[in-house]
């Protein structure tokens, strides 16, 4: 007997998590947010995953550049990267 749909999905998800380097993120966002991410990614010629990472890194750097003591930022965010 073959795998059920749920078993195939579970195996697919496991294969795409690389040795603890990745985590799943599942959320529902307003359609305008999704379209914005799609447009930005298409404009940059990257995947939506990469675009999200770039946008978050840019915002983080912008915040850190405006802070005198960055330890408060990392302490409140649950640790440094």
PDB file of N, CA and C in Angstrom:
ATOM      1  N   UNK A   1       0.841  -1.186   0.000  1.00  0.00           N
ATOM      2  CA  UNK A   1       0.000   0.000   0.000  1.00  0.00           C
ATOM      3  C   UNK A   1       0.887   1.250   0.000  1.00  0.00           C
ATOM      4  N   UNK A   2       0.544   2.248  -0.781  1.00  0.00           N
ATOM      5  CA  UNK A   2       1.310   3.483  -0.881  1.00  0.00           C
ATOM      6  C   UNK A   2       1.077   4.409   0.307  1.00  0.00           C
ATOM      7  N   UNK A   3       1.809   5.492   0.293  1.00  0.00           N
ATOM      8  CA  UNK A   3       1.669   6.466   1.371  1.00  0.00           C
ATOM      9  C   UNK A   3       0.395   7.284   1.195  1.00  0.00           C
ATOM     10  N   UNK A   4      -0.138   7.714   2.320  1.00  0.00           N
ATOM     11  CA  UNK A   4      -1.298   8.601   2.274  1.00  0.00           C
ATOM     12  C   UNK A   4      -0.828  10.002   1.881  1.00  0.00           C
ATOM     13  N   UNK A   5      -1.764  10.849   1.555  1.00  0.00           N
ATOM     14  CA  UNK A   5      -1.432  12.232   1.200  1.00  0.00           C
ATOM     15  C   UNK A   5      -0.699  12.914   2.342  1.00  0.00           C
ATOM     16  N   UNK A   6      -1.169  12.716   3.558  1.00  0.00           N
ATOM     17  CA  UNK A   6      -0.529  13.327   4.731  1.00  0.00           C
ATOM     18  C   UNK A   6       0.899  12.823   4.900  1.00  0.00           C
ATOM     19  N   UNK A   7       1.127  11.535   4.673  1.00  0.00           N
ATOM     20  CA  UNK A   7       2.476  10.976   4.796  1.00  0.00           C
ATOM     21  C   UNK A   7       3.410  11.533   3.733  1.00  0.00           C
ATOM     22  N   UNK A   8       2.916  11.667   2.502  1.00  0.00           N
ATOM     23  CA  UNK A   8       3.734  12.257   1.431  1.00  0.00           C
ATOM     24  C   UNK A   8       4.090  13.707   1.751  1.00  0.00           C
ATOM     25  N   UNK A   9       3.120  14.463   2.265  1.00  0.00           N
ATOM     26  CA  UNK A   9       3.362  15.863   2.620  1.00  0.00           C
ATOM     27  C   UNK A   9       4.399  15.960   3.737  1.00  0.00           C
ATOM     28  N   UNK A  10       4.278  15.116   4.742  1.00  0.00           N
ATOM     29  CA  UNK A  10       5.231  15.105   5.858  1.00  0.00           C
ATOM     30  C   UNK A  10       6.640  14.796   5.352  1.00  0.00           C
ATOM     31  N   UNK A  11       6.769  13.825   4.467  1.00  0.00           N
ATOM     32  CA  UNK A  11       8.082  13.471   3.905  1.00  0.00           C
ATOM     33  C   UNK A  11       8.651  14.619   3.080  1.00  0.00           C
ATOM     34  N   UNK A  12       7.809  15.270   2.286  1.00  0.00           N
ATOM     35  CA  UNK A  12       8.243  16.422   1.476  1.00  0.00           C
ATOM     36  C   UNK A  12       8.787  17.521   2.388  1.00  0.00           C
ATOM     37  N   UNK A  13       8.050  17.830   3.440  1.00  0.00           N
ATOM     38  CA  UNK A  13       8.490  18.888   4.360  1.00  0.00           C
ATOM     39  C   UNK A  13       9.801  18.529   5.039  1.00  0.00           C
ATOM     40  N   UNK A  14       9.948  17.274   5.442  1.00  0.00           N
ATOM     41  CA  UNK A  14      11.194  16.840   6.085  1.00  0.00           C
ATOM     42  C   UNK A  14      12.383  16.973   5.135  1.00  0.00           C
ATOM     43  N   UNK A  15      12.178  16.603   3.872  1.00  0.00           N
ATOM     44  CA  UNK A  15      13.274  16.682   2.883  1.00  0.00           C
ATOM     45  C   UNK A  15      13.744  18.106   2.665  1.00  0.00           C
ATOM     46  N   UNK A  16      12.855  19.075   2.826  1.00  0.00           N
ATOM     47  CA  UNK A  16      13.203  20.460   2.536  1.00  0.00           C
ATOM     48  C   UNK A  16      13.690  21.244   3.749  1.00  0.00           C
ATOM     49  N   UNK A  17      13.803  20.596   4.881  1.00  0.00           N
ATOM     50  CA  UNK A  17      14.424  21.223   6.045  1.00  0.00           C
ATOM     51  C   UNK A  17      15.860  20.718   6.100  1.00  0.00           C
ATOM     52  N   UNK A  18      16.814  21.620   5.988  1.00  0.00           N
ATOM     53  CA  UNK A  18      18.221  21.241   5.865  1.00  0.00           C
ATOM     54  C   UNK A  18      18.922  21.251   7.214  1.00  0.00           C
ATOM     55  N   UNK A  19      19.095  20.132   7.811  1.00  0.00           N
ATOM     56  CA  UNK A  19      19.929  19.955   9.012  1.00  0.00           C
ATOM     57  C   UNK A  19      19.767  21.072  10.039  1.00  0.00           C
ATOM     58  N   UNK A  20      18.567  21.475  10.331  1.00  0.00           N
ATOM     59  CA  UNK A  20      18.338  22.507  11.326  1.00  0.00           C
ATOM     60  C   UNK A  20      18.628  23.917  10.855  1.00  0.00           C
ATOM     61  N   UNK A  21      19.022  24.085   9.592  1.00  0.00           N
ATOM     62  CA  UNK A  21      19.326  25.415   9.070  1.00  0.00           C
ATOM     63  C   UNK A  21      18.061  26.153   8.652  1.00  0.00           C
ATOM     64  N   UNK A  22      16.967  25.424   8.508  1.00  0.00           N
ATOM     65  CA  UNK A  22      15.699  26.022   8.074  1.00  0.00           C
ATOM     66  C   UNK A  22      14.604  25.701   9.075  1.00  0.00           C
ATOM     67  N   UNK A  23      13.598  26.530   9.092  1.00  0.00           N
ATOM     68  CA  UNK A  23      12.378  26.283   9.860  1.00  0.00           C
ATOM     69  C   UNK A  23      11.195  26.618   8.983  1.00  0.00           C
ATOM     70  N   UNK A  24      10.087  25.936   9.212  1.00  0.00           N
ATOM     71  CA  UNK A  24       8.867  26.226   8.472  1.00  0.00           C
ATOM     72  C   UNK A  24       8.227  27.479   9.038  1.00  0.00           C
ATOM     73  N   UNK A  25       7.635  28.250   8.169  1.00  0.00           N
ATOM     74  CA  UNK A  25       6.896  29.448   8.549  1.00  0.00           C
ATOM     75  C   UNK A  25       5.566  29.374   7.824  1.00  0.00           C
ATOM     76  N   UNK A  26       4.511  29.310   8.576  1.00  0.00           N
ATOM     77  CA  UNK A  26       3.197  29.182   7.964  1.00  0.00           C
ATOM     78  C   UNK A  26       2.306  30.290   8.520  1.00  0.00           C
ATOM     79  N   UNK A  27       1.784  31.120   7.632  1.00  0.00           N
ATOM     80  CA  UNK A  27       0.930  32.223   8.077  1.00  0.00           C
ATOM     81  C   UNK A  27       0.012  32.660   6.953  1.00  0.00           C
ATOM     82  N   UNK A  28      -1.019  33.341   7.340  1.00  0.00           N
ATOM     83  CA  UNK A  28      -1.937  33.935   6.376  1.00  0.00           C
ATOM     84  C   UNK A  28      -1.711  35.441   6.437  1.00  0.00           C
ATOM     85  N   UNK A  29      -1.491  36.056   5.277  1.00  0.00           N
ATOM     86  CA  UNK A  29      -1.260  37.498   5.200  1.00  0.00           C
ATOM     87  C   UNK A  29      -2.298  38.120   4.276  1.00  0.00           C
ATOM     88  N   UNK A  30      -2.543  39.399   4.438  1.00  0.00           N
ATOM     89  CA  UNK A  30      -3.461  40.069   3.511  1.00  0.00           C
ATOM     90  C   UNK A  30      -2.953  39.953   2.072  1.00  0.00           C
ATOM     91  N   UNK A  31      -3.876  39.872   1.143  1.00  0.00           N
ATOM     92  CA  UNK A  31      -3.525  39.690  -0.267  1.00  0.00           C
ATOM     93  C   UNK A  31      -2.592  40.807  -0.747  1.00  0.00           C
ATOM     94  N   UNK A  32      -2.765  42.027  -0.243  1.00  0.00           N
ATOM     95  CA  UNK A  32      -1.897  43.133  -0.654  1.00  0.00           C
ATOM     96  C   UNK A  32      -0.439  42.881  -0.244  1.00  0.00           C
ATOM     97  N   UNK A  33      -0.239  42.264   0.904  1.00  0.00           N
ATOM     98  CA  UNK A  33       1.112  41.956   1.376  1.00  0.00           C
ATOM     99  C   UNK A  33       1.743  40.892   0.479  1.00  0.00           C
ATOM    100  N   UNK A  34       0.969  39.878   0.141  1.00  0.00           N
ATOM    101  CA  UNK A  34       1.467  38.812  -0.740  1.00  0.00           C
ATOM    102  C   UNK A  34       1.834  39.372  -2.108  1.00  0.00           C
ATOM    103  N   UNK A  35       0.998  40.226  -2.650  1.00  0.00           N
ATOM    104  CA  UNK A  35       1.284  40.813  -3.964  1.00  0.00           C
ATOM    105  C   UNK A  35       2.531  41.702  -3.911  1.00  0.00           C
ATOM    106  N   UNK A  36       2.695  42.422  -2.812  1.00  0.00           N
ATOM    107  CA  UNK A  36       3.884  43.267  -2.644  1.00  0.00           C
ATOM    108  C   UNK A  36       5.142  42.404  -2.644  1.00  0.00           C
ATOM    109  N   UNK A  37       5.102  41.298  -1.927  1.00  0.00           N
ATOM    110  CA  UNK A  37       6.245  40.384  -1.892  1.00  0.00           C
ATOM    111  C   UNK A  37       6.512  39.815  -3.278  1.00  0.00           C
ATOM    112  N   UNK A  38       5.470  39.432  -3.987  1.00  0.00           N
ATOM    113  CA  UNK A  38       5.629  38.913  -5.348  1.00  0.00           C
ATOM    114  C   UNK A  38       6.270  39.949  -6.278  1.00  0.00           C
ATOM    115  N   UNK A  39       5.778  41.193  -6.204  1.00  0.00           N
ATOM    116  CA  UNK A  39       6.324  42.255  -7.075  1.00  0.00           C
ATOM    117  C   UNK A  39       7.787  42.532  -6.765  1.00  0.00           C
ATOM    118  N   UNK A  40       8.105  42.639  -5.475  1.00  0.00           N
ATOM    119  CA  UNK A  40       9.486  42.914  -5.092  1.00  0.00           C
ATOM    120  C   UNK A  40      10.416  41.788  -5.538  1.00  0.00           C
ATOM    121  N   UNK A  41       9.999  40.559  -5.327  1.00  0.00           N
ATOM    122  CA  UNK A  41      10.822  39.413  -5.725  1.00  0.00           C
ATOM    123  C   UNK A  41      11.009  39.371  -7.233  1.00  0.00           C
ATOM    124  N   UNK A  42       9.948  39.598  -7.977  1.00  0.00           N
ATOM    125  CA  UNK A  42      10.034  39.589  -9.437  1.00  0.00           C
ATOM    126  C   UNK A  42      10.951  40.716  -9.927  1.00  0.00           C
ATOM    127  N   UNK A  43      10.820  41.900  -9.316  1.00  0.00           N
ATOM    128  CA  UNK A  43      11.646  43.042  -9.699  1.00  0.00           C
ATOM    129  C   UNK A  43      13.127  42.754  -9.456  1.00  0.00           C
ATOM    130  N   UNK A  44      13.438  42.104  -8.340  1.00  0.00           N
ATOM    131  CA  UNK A  44      14.826  41.781  -8.004  1.00  0.00           C
ATOM    132  C   UNK A  44      15.324  40.519  -8.691  1.00  0.00           C
ATOM    133  N   UNK A  45      14.396  39.744  -9.255  1.00  0.00           N
ATOM    134  CA  UNK A  45      14.788  38.495  -9.906  1.00  0.00           C
ATOM    135  C   UNK A  45      15.187  37.408  -8.929  1.00  0.00           C
ATOM    136  N   UNK A  46      14.538  37.391  -7.773  1.00  0.00           N
ATOM    137  CA  UNK A  46      14.837  36.389  -6.754  1.00  0.00           C
ATOM    138  C   UNK A  46      13.530  35.715  -6.326  1.00  0.00           C
ATOM    139  N   UNK A  47      13.668  34.661  -5.549  1.00  0.00           N
ATOM    140  CA  UNK A  47      12.480  33.988  -5.029  1.00  0.00           C
ATOM    141  C   UNK A  47      11.849  34.835  -3.925  1.00  0.00           C
ATOM    142  N   UNK A  48      10.607  34.547  -3.622  1.00  0.00           N
ATOM    143  CA  UNK A  48       9.939  35.265  -2.541  1.00  0.00           C
ATOM    144  C   UNK A  48      10.638  34.986  -1.207  1.00  0.00           C
ATOM    145  N   UNK A  49      11.132  33.787  -1.049  1.00  0.00           N
ATOM    146  CA  UNK A  49      11.867  33.428   0.170  1.00  0.00           C
ATOM    147  C   UNK A  49      13.102  34.317   0.335  1.00  0.00           C
ATOM    148  N   UNK A  50      13.865  34.467  -0.738  1.00  0.00           N
ATOM    149  CA  UNK A  50      15.064  35.315  -0.694  1.00  0.00           C
ATOM    150  C   UNK A  50      14.667  36.772  -0.472  1.00  0.00           C
ATOM    151  N   UNK A  51      13.622  37.230  -1.149  1.00  0.00           N
ATOM    152  CA  UNK A  51      13.182  38.616  -1.009  1.00  0.00           C
ATOM    153  C   UNK A  51      12.773  38.918   0.426  1.00  0.00           C
ATOM    154  N   UNK A  52      12.076  38.008   1.052  1.00  0.00           N
ATOM    155  CA  UNK A  52      11.676  38.201   2.447  1.00  0.00           C
ATOM    156  C   UNK A  52      12.904  38.280   3.351  1.00  0.00           C
ATOM    157  N   UNK A  53      13.867  37.414   3.122  1.00  0.00           N
ATOM    158  CA  UNK A  53      15.100  37.437   3.923  1.00  0.00           C
ATOM    159  C   UNK A  53      15.857  38.742   3.735  1.00  0.00           C
ATOM    160  N   UNK A  54      15.954  39.219   2.494  1.00  0.00           N
ATOM    161  CA  UNK A  54      16.648  40.474   2.202  1.00  0.00           C
ATOM    162  C   UNK A  54      15.931  41.652   2.867  1.00  0.00           C
ATOM    163  N   UNK A  55      14.606  41.690   2.752  1.00  0.00           N
ATOM    164  CA  UNK A  55      13.840  42.788   3.336  1.00  0.00           C
ATOM    165  C   UNK A  55      13.982  42.812   4.860  1.00  0.00           C
ATOM    166  N   UNK A  56      13.928  41.651   5.492  1.00  0.00           N
ATOM    167  CA  UNK A  56      14.066  41.599   6.948  1.00  0.00           C
ATOM    168  C   UNK A  56      15.471  41.993   7.389  1.00  0.00           C
ATOM    169  N   UNK A  57      16.484  41.532   6.666  1.00  0.00           N
ATOM    170  CA  UNK A  57      17.863  41.884   6.999  1.00  0.00           C
ATOM    171  C   UNK A  57      18.079  43.390   6.856  1.00  0.00           C
ATOM    172  N   UNK A  58      17.496  43.981   5.822  1.00  0.00           N
ATOM    173  CA  UNK A  58      17.622  45.415   5.593  1.00  0.00           C
ATOM    174  C   UNK A  58      16.956  46.214   6.709  1.00  0.00           C
ATOM    175  N   UNK A  59      15.768  45.805   7.098  1.00  0.00           N
ATOM    176  CA  UNK A  59      15.064  46.486   8.185  1.00  0.00           C
ATOM    177  C   UNK A  59      15.811  46.323   9.499  1.00  0.00           C
ATOM    178  N   UNK A  60      16.324  45.128   9.756  1.00  0.00           N
ATOM    179  CA  UNK A  60      17.098  44.907  10.977  1.00  0.00           C
ATOM    180  C   UNK A  60      18.321  45.825  11.014  1.00  0.00           C
ATOM    181  N   UNK A  61      19.042  45.912   9.900  1.00  0.00           N
ATOM    182  CA  UNK A  61      20.230  46.764   9.848  1.00  0.00           C
ATOM    183  C   UNK A  61      19.868  48.224  10.055  1.00  0.00           C
ATOM    184  N   UNK A  62      18.762  48.657   9.463  1.00  0.00           N
ATOM    185  CA  UNK A  62      18.292  50.033   9.640  1.00  0.00           C
ATOM    186  C   UNK A  62      18.020  50.333  11.116  1.00  0.00           C
ATOM    187  N   UNK A  63      17.397  49.398  11.799  1.00  0.00           N
ATOM    188  CA  UNK A  63      17.112  49.573  13.226  1.00  0.00           C
ATOM    189  C   UNK A  63      18.404  49.610  14.034  1.00  0.00           C
ATOM    190  N   UNK A  64      19.295  48.660  13.747  1.00  0.00           N
ATOM    191  CA  UNK A  64      20.564  48.601  14.483  1.00  0.00           C
ATOM    192  C   UNK A  64      21.411  49.847  14.270  1.00  0.00           C
ATOM    193  N   UNK A  65      21.397  50.398  13.062  1.00  0.00           N
ATOM    194  CA  UNK A  65      22.176  51.612  12.782  1.00  0.00           C
ATOM    195  C   UNK A  65      21.688  52.800  13.605  1.00  0.00           C
ATOM    196  N   UNK A  66      20.438  52.785  14.007  1.00  0.00           N
ATOM    197  CA  UNK A  66      19.884  53.882  14.794  1.00  0.00           C
ATOM    198  C   UNK A  66      19.978  53.679  16.289  1.00  0.00           C
ATOM    199  N   UNK A  67      20.603  52.591  16.724  1.00  0.00           N
ATOM    200  CA  UNK A  67      20.686  52.281  18.156  1.00  0.00           C
ATOM    201  C   UNK A  67      22.093  52.500  18.687  1.00  0.00           C
ATOM    202  N   UNK A  68      22.172  52.952  19.931  1.00  0.00           N
ATOM    203  CA  UNK A  68      23.471  53.068  20.593  1.00  0.00           C
ATOM    204  C   UNK A  68      23.914  51.727  21.171  1.00  0.00           C
ATOM    205  N   UNK A  69      22.963  51.006  21.764  1.00  0.00           N
ATOM    206  CA  UNK A  69      23.262  49.732  22.409  1.00  0.00           C
ATOM    207  C   UNK A  69      22.431  48.641  21.750  1.00  0.00           C
ATOM    208  N   UNK A  70      23.067  47.844  20.921  1.00  0.00           N
ATOM    209  CA  UNK A  70      22.324  46.825  20.181  1.00  0.00           C
ATOM    210  C   UNK A  70      21.979  45.615  21.033  1.00  0.00           C
ATOM    211  N   UNK A  71      22.584  45.487  22.222  1.00  0.00           N
ATOM    212  CA  UNK A  71      22.302  44.311  23.043  1.00  0.00           C
ATOM    213  C   UNK A  71      20.830  44.250  23.447  1.00  0.00           C
ATOM    214  N   UNK A  72      20.199  45.403  23.638  1.00  0.00           N
ATOM    215  CA  UNK A  72      18.781  45.415  23.997  1.00  0.00           C
ATOM    216  C   UNK A  72      17.938  44.838  22.864  1.00  0.00           C
ATOM    217  N   UNK A  73      18.328  45.098  21.646  1.00  0.00           N
ATOM    218  CA  UNK A  73      17.605  44.560  20.498  1.00  0.00           C
ATOM    219  C   UNK A  73      17.704  43.043  20.470  1.00  0.00           C
ATOM    220  N   UNK A  74      18.904  42.529  20.609  1.00  0.00           N
ATOM    221  CA  UNK A  74      19.083  41.080  20.550  1.00  0.00           C
ATOM    222  C   UNK A  74      18.498  40.392  21.768  1.00  0.00           C
ATOM    223  N   UNK A  75      18.592  40.999  22.935  1.00  0.00           N
ATOM    224  CA  UNK A  75      18.007  40.397  24.138  1.00  0.00           C
ATOM    225  C   UNK A  75      16.508  40.257  23.999  1.00  0.00           C
ATOM    226  N   UNK A  76      15.834  41.271  23.469  1.00  0.00           N
ATOM    227  CA  UNK A  76      14.389  41.212  23.341  1.00  0.00           C
ATOM    228  C   UNK A  76      13.936  40.317  22.205  1.00  0.00           C
ATOM    229  N   UNK A  77      14.820  40.045  21.242  1.00  0.00           N
ATOM    230  CA  UNK A  77      14.459  39.232  20.088  1.00  0.00           C
ATOM    231  C   UNK A  77      14.770  37.742  20.325  1.00  0.00           C
ATOM    232  N   UNK A  78      15.263  37.414  21.508  1.00  0.00           N
ATOM    233  CA  UNK A  78      15.531  36.015  21.788  1.00  0.00           C
ATOM    234  C   UNK A  78      16.913  35.552  21.381  1.00  0.00           C
ATOM    235  N   UNK A  79      17.862  36.454  21.302  1.00  0.00           N
ATOM    236  CA  UNK A  79      19.228  36.059  20.987  1.00  0.00           C
ATOM    237  C   UNK A  79      19.686  36.580  19.645  1.00  0.00           C
ATOM    238  N   UNK A  80      20.975  36.578  19.458  1.00  0.00           N
ATOM    239  CA  UNK A  80      21.538  37.094  18.215  1.00  0.00           C
ATOM    240  C   UNK A  80      21.568  36.002  17.157  1.00  0.00           C
ATOM    241  N   UNK A  81      21.746  36.431  15.922  1.00  0.00           N
ATOM    242  CA  UNK A  81      21.806  35.482  14.808  1.00  0.00           C
ATOM    243  C   UNK A  81      23.218  35.126  14.515  1.00  0.00           C
TER     244      UNK A  81
END
